[in-house]
Amino acid sequence: MPRIERDRELTKRRTRKVKILKLIAKYVVATGTDKEEIASKVRRISPFYELDKRVAELSEAGKLPRIGRPVAQKSAKK
């Protein structure tokens, strides 16, 4: 049975969220031009995403993702 369009949209959103979290983890430890490359990748995935603002929010909350630590992803199936 084919998937409904809304299910595809939700799957894309979840995938995008995981990708951005991984890129944030890399951005935090990166320096110089690496940060610019990572920021351009984030803008390509989500054009209006404010990376510096989000990193500041996560660091204040103490929830910065770390490289090597798997990103918690909830299963869509129940």
C-alpha atoms as a PDB file:
ATOM      1  CA  MET A   1       0.000   0.000   0.000  1.00  0.00           C
ATOM      2  CA  PRO A   2       1.517   3.356  -0.967  1.00  0.00           C
ATOM      3  CA  ARG A   3       2.304   5.914   1.698  1.00  0.00           C
ATOM      4  CA  ILE A   4       0.157   8.955   2.116  1.00  0.00           C
ATOM      5  CA  GLU A   5       1.704  12.295   1.179  1.00  0.00           C
ATOM      6  CA  ARG A   6       1.535  13.544   4.778  1.00  0.00           C
ATOM      7  CA  ASP A   7       3.531  10.510   5.934  1.00  0.00           C
ATOM      8  CA  ARG A   8       6.227  11.319   3.391  1.00  0.00           C
ATOM      9  CA  GLU A   9       6.327  14.932   4.605  1.00  0.00           C
ATOM     10  CA  LEU A  10       6.703  13.819   8.220  1.00  0.00           C
ATOM     11  CA  THR A  11       9.460  11.381   7.300  1.00  0.00           C
ATOM     12  CA  LYS A  12      11.349  14.124   5.472  1.00  0.00           C
ATOM     13  CA  ARG A  13      10.962  16.425   8.466  1.00  0.00           C
ATOM     14  CA  ARG A  14      12.302  13.800  10.874  1.00  0.00           C
ATOM     15  CA  THR A  15      15.223  13.021   8.581  1.00  0.00           C
ATOM     16  CA  ARG A  16      16.012  16.719   8.221  1.00  0.00           C
ATOM     17  CA  LYS A  17      15.968  17.148  11.998  1.00  0.00           C
ATOM     18  CA  VAL A  18      18.451  14.303  12.512  1.00  0.00           C
ATOM     19  CA  LYS A  19      20.754  15.641   9.782  1.00  0.00           C
ATOM     20  CA  ILE A  20      20.727  19.127  11.264  1.00  0.00           C
ATOM     21  CA  LEU A  21      21.515  17.787  14.744  1.00  0.00           C
ATOM     22  CA  LYS A  22      24.502  15.901  13.343  1.00  0.00           C
ATOM     23  CA  LEU A  23      25.695  19.024  11.535  1.00  0.00           C
ATOM     24  CA  ILE A  24      25.292  21.095  14.721  1.00  0.00           C
ATOM     25  CA  ALA A  25      27.516  18.614  16.563  1.00  0.00           C
ATOM     26  CA  LYS A  26      30.172  18.984  13.867  1.00  0.00           C
ATOM     27  CA  TYR A  27      29.750  22.778  13.811  1.00  0.00           C
ATOM     28  CA  VAL A  28      30.462  23.094  17.530  1.00  0.00           C
ATOM     29  CA  VAL A  29      33.895  21.445  17.269  1.00  0.00           C
ATOM     30  CA  ALA A  30      34.783  22.878  13.834  1.00  0.00           C
ATOM     31  CA  THR A  31      36.989  25.900  13.240  1.00  0.00           C
ATOM     32  CA  GLY A  32      37.294  28.540  10.505  1.00  0.00           C
ATOM     33  CA  THR A  33      36.335  27.436   7.016  1.00  0.00           C
ATOM     34  CA  ASP A  34      34.891  24.159   8.287  1.00  0.00           C
ATOM     35  CA  LYS A  35      32.214  26.138  10.116  1.00  0.00           C
ATOM     36  CA  GLU A  36      31.371  27.989   6.904  1.00  0.00           C
ATOM     37  CA  GLU A  37      31.039  24.727   4.979  1.00  0.00           C
ATOM     38  CA  ILE A  38      28.799  23.217   7.632  1.00  0.00           C
ATOM     39  CA  ALA A  39      26.682  26.375   7.766  1.00  0.00           C
ATOM     40  CA  SER A  40      26.227  26.253   3.986  1.00  0.00           C
ATOM     41  CA  LYS A  41      25.079  22.606   4.238  1.00  0.00           C
ATOM     42  CA  VAL A  42      22.545  23.551   6.892  1.00  0.00           C
ATOM     43  CA  ARG A  43      21.282  26.419   4.729  1.00  0.00           C
ATOM     44  CA  ARG A  44      20.930  24.030   1.806  1.00  0.00           C
ATOM     45  CA  ILE A  45      18.809  21.679   3.933  1.00  0.00           C
ATOM     46  CA  SER A  46      16.800  24.419   5.655  1.00  0.00           C
ATOM     47  CA  PRO A  47      17.291  27.923   4.191  1.00  0.00           C
ATOM     48  CA  PHE A  48      15.915  29.923   7.125  1.00  0.00           C
ATOM     49  CA  TYR A  49      17.617  27.957   9.912  1.00  0.00           C
ATOM     50  CA  GLU A  50      19.657  30.262  12.162  1.00  0.00           C
ATOM     51  CA  LEU A  51      22.577  28.046  13.115  1.00  0.00           C
ATOM     52  CA  ASP A  52      24.396  30.390  15.503  1.00  0.00           C
ATOM     53  CA  LYS A  53      21.182  31.218  17.352  1.00  0.00           C
ATOM     54  CA  ARG A  54      20.284  27.524  17.703  1.00  0.00           C
ATOM     55  CA  VAL A  55      23.775  26.607  18.941  1.00  0.00           C
ATOM     56  CA  ALA A  56      23.528  29.362  21.560  1.00  0.00           C
ATOM     57  CA  GLU A  57      20.110  28.091  22.698  1.00  0.00           C
ATOM     58  CA  LEU A  58      21.332  24.512  22.965  1.00  0.00           C
ATOM     59  CA  SER A  59      24.492  25.490  24.824  1.00  0.00           C
ATOM     60  CA  GLU A  60      22.490  27.523  27.363  1.00  0.00           C
ATOM     61  CA  ALA A  61      20.213  24.542  27.933  1.00  0.00           C
ATOM     62  CA  GLY A  62      23.194  22.174  28.124  1.00  0.00           C
ATOM     63  CA  LYS A  63      21.812  20.039  25.294  1.00  0.00           C
ATOM     64  CA  LEU A  64      24.485  20.348  22.626  1.00  0.00           C
ATOM     65  CA  PRO A  65      24.792  17.126  20.632  1.00  0.00           C
ATOM     66  CA  ARG A  66      28.239  15.543  20.701  1.00  0.00           C
ATOM     67  CA  ILE A  67      29.991  13.745  17.880  1.00  0.00           C
ATOM     68  CA  GLY A  68      30.061  10.014  18.410  1.00  0.00           C
ATOM     69  CA  ARG A  69      26.970   9.999  20.566  1.00  0.00           C
ATOM     70  CA  PRO A  70      24.029   8.609  18.621  1.00  0.00           C
ATOM     71  CA  VAL A  71      21.201  11.035  18.117  1.00  0.00           C
ATOM     72  CA  ALA A  72      18.056   9.802  19.825  1.00  0.00           C
ATOM     73  CA  GLN A  73      15.506   9.044  17.175  1.00  0.00           C
ATOM     74  CA  LYS A  74      12.037   7.862  18.010  1.00  0.00           C
ATOM     75  CA  SER A  75      10.587   5.100  15.950  1.00  0.00           C
ATOM     76  CA  ALA A  76       7.660   6.154  13.793  1.00  0.00           C
ATOM     77  CA  LYS A  77       6.131   2.677  13.992  1.00  0.00           C
ATOM     78  CA  LYS A  78       4.163   1.611  17.010  1.00  0.00           C
END
